């Protein structure tokens, strides 16, 4: 089920992000964009990682 896949990929990416494993989180995002691009979890994971990336650029 595509809905379930979207949720799984979001949570796997979120947990990787929480652990500080940006590469793995980005890999889950890439998979989500390939498999379920319109899923709300894909959008939310993209926003989470983009926000982190923007914050890293702002730090001195």
PDB file of N, CA and C in Angstrom:
ATOM      1  N   UNK A   1       0.838  -1.184   0.000  1.00  0.00           N
ATOM      2  CA  UNK A   1       0.000   0.000   0.000  1.00  0.00           C
ATOM      3  C   UNK A   1       0.883   1.248   0.000  1.00  0.00           C
ATOM      4  N   UNK A   2       0.623   2.134  -0.906  1.00  0.00           N
ATOM      5  CA  UNK A   2       1.465   3.323  -1.082  1.00  0.00           C
ATOM      6  C   UNK A   2       1.365   4.277   0.109  1.00  0.00           C
ATOM      7  N   UNK A   3       0.191   4.360   0.721  1.00  0.00           N
ATOM      8  CA  UNK A   3       0.046   5.223   1.892  1.00  0.00           C
ATOM      9  C   UNK A   3       0.973   4.756   3.006  1.00  0.00           C
ATOM     10  N   UNK A   4       0.961   3.461   3.257  1.00  0.00           N
ATOM     11  CA  UNK A   4       1.809   2.900   4.307  1.00  0.00           C
ATOM     12  C   UNK A   4       3.286   3.103   3.977  1.00  0.00           C
ATOM     13  N   UNK A   5       3.666   2.912   2.730  1.00  0.00           N
ATOM     14  CA  UNK A   5       5.051   3.124   2.319  1.00  0.00           C
ATOM     15  C   UNK A   5       5.478   4.568   2.581  1.00  0.00           C
ATOM     16  N   UNK A   6       4.610   5.511   2.286  1.00  0.00           N
ATOM     17  CA  UNK A   6       4.921   6.915   2.549  1.00  0.00           C
ATOM     18  C   UNK A   6       5.151   7.179   4.024  1.00  0.00           C
ATOM     19  N   UNK A   7       4.320   6.601   4.874  1.00  0.00           N
ATOM     20  CA  UNK A   7       4.477   6.777   6.319  1.00  0.00           C
ATOM     21  C   UNK A   7       5.778   6.140   6.806  1.00  0.00           C
ATOM     22  N   UNK A   8       6.057   4.944   6.332  1.00  0.00           N
ATOM     23  CA  UNK A   8       7.274   4.237   6.744  1.00  0.00           C
ATOM     24  C   UNK A   8       8.509   5.043   6.367  1.00  0.00           C
ATOM     25  N   UNK A   9       8.574   5.507   5.141  1.00  0.00           N
ATOM     26  CA  UNK A   9       9.748   6.255   4.689  1.00  0.00           C
ATOM     27  C   UNK A   9       9.897   7.563   5.448  1.00  0.00           C
ATOM     28  N   UNK A  10       8.770   8.223   5.761  1.00  0.00           N
ATOM     29  CA  UNK A  10       8.855   9.443   6.555  1.00  0.00           C
ATOM     30  C   UNK A  10       9.459   9.146   7.919  1.00  0.00           C
ATOM     31  N   UNK A  11       8.934   8.143   8.607  1.00  0.00           N
ATOM     32  CA  UNK A  11       9.425   7.868   9.957  1.00  0.00           C
ATOM     33  C   UNK A  11      10.864   7.368   9.962  1.00  0.00           C
ATOM     34  N   UNK A  12      11.241   6.577   8.988  1.00  0.00           N
ATOM     35  CA  UNK A  12      12.637   6.152   8.902  1.00  0.00           C
ATOM     36  C   UNK A  12      13.548   7.356   8.682  1.00  0.00           C
ATOM     37  N   UNK A  13      13.141   8.255   7.804  1.00  0.00           N
ATOM     38  CA  UNK A  13      13.916   9.470   7.567  1.00  0.00           C
ATOM     39  C   UNK A  13      13.962  10.362   8.790  1.00  0.00           C
ATOM     40  N   UNK A  14      12.839  10.483   9.474  1.00  0.00           N
ATOM     41  CA  UNK A  14      12.770  11.304  10.684  1.00  0.00           C
ATOM     42  C   UNK A  14      13.695  10.751  11.764  1.00  0.00           C
ATOM     43  N   UNK A  15      13.656   9.449  11.967  1.00  0.00           N
ATOM     44  CA  UNK A  15      14.512   8.839  12.988  1.00  0.00           C
ATOM     45  C   UNK A  15      15.987   8.977  12.627  1.00  0.00           C
ATOM     46  N   UNK A  16      16.325   8.824  11.363  1.00  0.00           N
ATOM     47  CA  UNK A  16      17.711   9.022  10.932  1.00  0.00           C
ATOM     48  C   UNK A  16      18.129  10.468  11.197  1.00  0.00           C
ATOM     49  N   UNK A  17      17.251  11.402  10.918  1.00  0.00           N
ATOM     50  CA  UNK A  17      17.518  12.820  11.179  1.00  0.00           C
ATOM     51  C   UNK A  17      17.755  13.045  12.675  1.00  0.00           C
ATOM     52  N   UNK A  18      16.932  12.447  13.514  1.00  0.00           N
ATOM     53  CA  UNK A  18      17.072  12.604  14.963  1.00  0.00           C
ATOM     54  C   UNK A  18      18.411  12.052  15.458  1.00  0.00           C
ATOM     55  N   UNK A  19      18.903  11.006  14.817  1.00  0.00           N
ATOM     56  CA  UNK A  19      20.195  10.415  15.184  1.00  0.00           C
ATOM     57  C   UNK A  19      21.367  11.212  14.625  1.00  0.00           C
ATOM     58  N   UNK A  20      21.083  12.169  13.758  1.00  0.00           N
ATOM     59  CA  UNK A  20      22.145  12.955  13.144  1.00  0.00           C
ATOM     60  C   UNK A  20      22.718  12.321  11.894  1.00  0.00           C
ATOM     61  N   UNK A  21      22.035  11.325  11.346  1.00  0.00           N
ATOM     62  CA  UNK A  21      22.497  10.620  10.151  1.00  0.00           C
ATOM     63  C   UNK A  21      21.846  11.245   8.912  1.00  0.00           C
ATOM     64  N   UNK A  22      22.371  12.386   8.511  1.00  0.00           N
ATOM     65  CA  UNK A  22      21.781  13.142   7.393  1.00  0.00           C
ATOM     66  C   UNK A  22      21.803  12.341   6.091  1.00  0.00           C
ATOM     67  N   UNK A  23      22.883  11.621   5.832  1.00  0.00           N
ATOM     68  CA  UNK A  23      22.971  10.852   4.582  1.00  0.00           C
ATOM     69  C   UNK A  23      21.853   9.825   4.478  1.00  0.00           C
ATOM     70  N   UNK A  24      21.609   9.105   5.556  1.00  0.00           N
ATOM     71  CA  UNK A  24      20.553   8.093   5.521  1.00  0.00           C
ATOM     72  C   UNK A  24      19.183   8.757   5.378  1.00  0.00           C
ATOM     73  N   UNK A  25      18.974   9.869   6.082  1.00  0.00           N
ATOM     74  CA  UNK A  25      17.700  10.586   5.971  1.00  0.00           C
ATOM     75  C   UNK A  25      17.474  11.041   4.530  1.00  0.00           C
ATOM     76  N   UNK A  26      18.517  11.545   3.890  1.00  0.00           N
ATOM     77  CA  UNK A  26      18.394  11.974   2.491  1.00  0.00           C
ATOM     78  C   UNK A  26      18.124  10.790   1.568  1.00  0.00           C
ATOM     79  N   UNK A  27      18.700   9.636   1.882  1.00  0.00           N
ATOM     80  CA  UNK A  27      18.423   8.442   1.080  1.00  0.00           C
ATOM     81  C   UNK A  27      16.950   8.047   1.183  1.00  0.00           C
ATOM     82  N   UNK A  28      16.390   8.133   2.392  1.00  0.00           N
ATOM     83  CA  UNK A  28      14.963   7.835   2.552  1.00  0.00           C
ATOM     84  C   UNK A  28      14.113   8.856   1.801  1.00  0.00           C
ATOM     85  N   UNK A  29      14.527  10.116   1.811  1.00  0.00           N
ATOM     86  CA  UNK A  29      13.793  11.138   1.065  1.00  0.00           C
ATOM     87  C   UNK A  29      13.835  10.838  -0.433  1.00  0.00           C
ATOM     88  N   UNK A  30      14.990  10.468  -0.940  1.00  0.00           N
ATOM     89  CA  UNK A  30      15.113  10.135  -2.361  1.00  0.00           C
ATOM     90  C   UNK A  30      14.197   8.971  -2.720  1.00  0.00           C
ATOM     91  N   UNK A  31      14.177   7.952  -1.871  1.00  0.00           N
ATOM     92  CA  UNK A  31      13.303   6.804  -2.123  1.00  0.00           C
ATOM     93  C   UNK A  31      11.834   7.229  -2.086  1.00  0.00           C
ATOM     94  N   UNK A  32      11.490   8.074  -1.123  1.00  0.00           N
ATOM     95  CA  UNK A  32      10.107   8.549  -1.018  1.00  0.00           C
ATOM     96  C   UNK A  32       9.721   9.363  -2.252  1.00  0.00           C
ATOM     97  N   UNK A  33      10.623  10.207  -2.726  1.00  0.00           N
ATOM     98  CA  UNK A  33      10.331  11.008  -3.922  1.00  0.00           C
ATOM     99  C   UNK A  33      10.151  10.122  -5.152  1.00  0.00           C
ATOM    100  N   UNK A  34      10.869   9.012  -5.205  1.00  0.00           N
ATOM    101  CA  UNK A  34      10.728   8.084  -6.327  1.00  0.00           C
ATOM    102  C   UNK A  34       9.436   7.274  -6.242  1.00  0.00           C
ATOM    103  N   UNK A  35       9.097   6.823  -5.031  1.00  0.00           N
ATOM    104  CA  UNK A  35       7.981   5.891  -4.850  1.00  0.00           C
ATOM    105  C   UNK A  35       6.638   6.573  -4.583  1.00  0.00           C
ATOM    106  N   UNK A  36       6.639   7.601  -3.753  1.00  0.00           N
ATOM    107  CA  UNK A  36       5.382   8.257  -3.350  1.00  0.00           C
ATOM    108  C   UNK A  36       5.572   9.776  -3.315  1.00  0.00           C
ATOM    109  N   UNK A  37       5.825  10.389  -4.472  1.00  0.00           N
ATOM    110  CA  UNK A  37       6.179  11.813  -4.503  1.00  0.00           C
ATOM    111  C   UNK A  37       5.087  12.746  -3.979  1.00  0.00           C
ATOM    112  N   UNK A  38       3.829  12.355  -4.065  1.00  0.00           N
ATOM    113  CA  UNK A  38       2.729  13.227  -3.643  1.00  0.00           C
ATOM    114  C   UNK A  38       2.302  12.985  -2.198  1.00  0.00           C
ATOM    115  N   UNK A  39       2.931  12.059  -1.518  1.00  0.00           N
ATOM    116  CA  UNK A  39       2.540  11.729  -0.141  1.00  0.00           C
ATOM    117  C   UNK A  39       2.927  12.854   0.809  1.00  0.00           C
ATOM    118  N   UNK A  40       2.083  13.118   1.783  1.00  0.00           N
ATOM    119  CA  UNK A  40       2.348  14.181   2.748  1.00  0.00           C
ATOM    120  C   UNK A  40       3.642  13.913   3.526  1.00  0.00           C
ATOM    121  N   UNK A  41       3.959  12.651   3.775  1.00  0.00           N
ATOM    122  CA  UNK A  41       5.196  12.314   4.479  1.00  0.00           C
ATOM    123  C   UNK A  41       6.428  12.695   3.679  1.00  0.00           C
ATOM    124  N   UNK A  42       6.363  12.549   2.369  1.00  0.00           N
ATOM    125  CA  UNK A  42       7.471  12.952   1.504  1.00  0.00           C
ATOM    126  C   UNK A  42       7.673  14.458   1.592  1.00  0.00           C
ATOM    127  N   UNK A  43       6.581  15.193   1.532  1.00  0.00           N
ATOM    128  CA  UNK A  43       6.651  16.651   1.647  1.00  0.00           C
ATOM    129  C   UNK A  43       7.217  17.070   3.002  1.00  0.00           C
ATOM    130  N   UNK A  44       6.756  16.424   4.072  1.00  0.00           N
ATOM    131  CA  UNK A  44       7.205  16.795   5.412  1.00  0.00           C
ATOM    132  C   UNK A  44       8.675  16.455   5.640  1.00  0.00           C
ATOM    133  N   UNK A  45       9.119  15.325   5.126  1.00  0.00           N
ATOM    134  CA  UNK A  45      10.527  14.958   5.272  1.00  0.00           C
ATOM    135  C   UNK A  45      11.408  15.931   4.491  1.00  0.00           C
ATOM    136  N   UNK A  46      10.976  16.318   3.304  1.00  0.00           N
ATOM    137  CA  UNK A  46      11.717  17.298   2.508  1.00  0.00           C
ATOM    138  C   UNK A  46      11.831  18.626   3.272  1.00  0.00           C
ATOM    139  N   UNK A  47      10.741  19.074   3.860  1.00  0.00           N
ATOM    140  CA  UNK A  47      10.761  20.324   4.637  1.00  0.00           C
ATOM    141  C   UNK A  47      11.686  20.219   5.839  1.00  0.00           C
ATOM    142  N   UNK A  48      11.638  19.096   6.529  1.00  0.00           N
ATOM    143  CA  UNK A  48      12.489  18.891   7.699  1.00  0.00           C
ATOM    144  C   UNK A  48      13.963  18.977   7.321  1.00  0.00           C
ATOM    145  N   UNK A  49      14.350  18.294   6.261  1.00  0.00           N
ATOM    146  CA  UNK A  49      15.752  18.289   5.855  1.00  0.00           C
ATOM    147  C   UNK A  49      16.170  19.634   5.271  1.00  0.00           C
ATOM    148  N   UNK A  50      15.274  20.297   4.548  1.00  0.00           N
ATOM    149  CA  UNK A  50      15.592  21.629   4.018  1.00  0.00           C
ATOM    150  C   UNK A  50      15.779  22.630   5.147  1.00  0.00           C
ATOM    151  N   UNK A  51      14.938  22.543   6.163  1.00  0.00           N
ATOM    152  CA  UNK A  51      15.040  23.454   7.303  1.00  0.00           C
ATOM    153  C   UNK A  51      16.371  23.242   8.026  1.00  0.00           C
ATOM    154  N   UNK A  52      16.770  21.993   8.194  1.00  0.00           N
ATOM    155  CA  UNK A  52      18.050  21.705   8.838  1.00  0.00           C
ATOM    156  C   UNK A  52      19.190  22.275   8.001  1.00  0.00           C
ATOM    157  N   UNK A  53      19.121  22.098   6.697  1.00  0.00           N
ATOM    158  CA  UNK A  53      20.174  22.588   5.807  1.00  0.00           C
ATOM    159  C   UNK A  53      20.272  24.114   5.874  1.00  0.00           C
ATOM    160  N   UNK A  54      19.128  24.787   5.901  1.00  0.00           N
ATOM    161  CA  UNK A  54      19.121  26.251   6.004  1.00  0.00           C
ATOM    162  C   UNK A  54      19.716  26.705   7.331  1.00  0.00           C
ATOM    163  N   UNK A  55      19.406  26.006   8.411  1.00  0.00           N
ATOM    164  CA  UNK A  55      19.943  26.366   9.726  1.00  0.00           C
ATOM    165  C   UNK A  55      21.454  26.164   9.783  1.00  0.00           C
ATOM    166  N   UNK A  56      21.956  25.146   9.109  1.00  0.00           N
ATOM    167  CA  UNK A  56      23.401  24.900   9.091  1.00  0.00           C
ATOM    168  C   UNK A  56      24.128  26.031   8.372  1.00  0.00           C
ATOM    169  N   UNK A  57      23.515  26.586   7.340  1.00  0.00           N
ATOM    170  CA  UNK A  57      24.143  27.686   6.599  1.00  0.00           C
ATOM    171  C   UNK A  57      24.150  28.980   7.399  1.00  0.00           C
ATOM    172  N   UNK A  58      23.211  29.155   8.325  1.00  0.00           N
ATOM    173  CA  UNK A  58      23.121  30.382   9.108  1.00  0.00           C
ATOM    174  C   UNK A  58      24.119  30.419  10.259  1.00  0.00           C
ATOM    175  N   UNK A  59      24.548  29.253  10.727  1.00  0.00           N
ATOM    176  CA  UNK A  59      25.460  29.205  11.872  1.00  0.00           C
ATOM    177  C   UNK A  59      26.829  29.755  11.486  1.00  0.00           C
ATOM    178  N   UNK A  60      27.469  30.472  12.437  1.00  0.00           N
ATOM    179  CA  UNK A  60      28.794  31.063  12.138  1.00  0.00           C
ATOM    180  C   UNK A  60      29.883  30.031  11.977  1.00  0.00           C
TER     181      UNK A  60
END
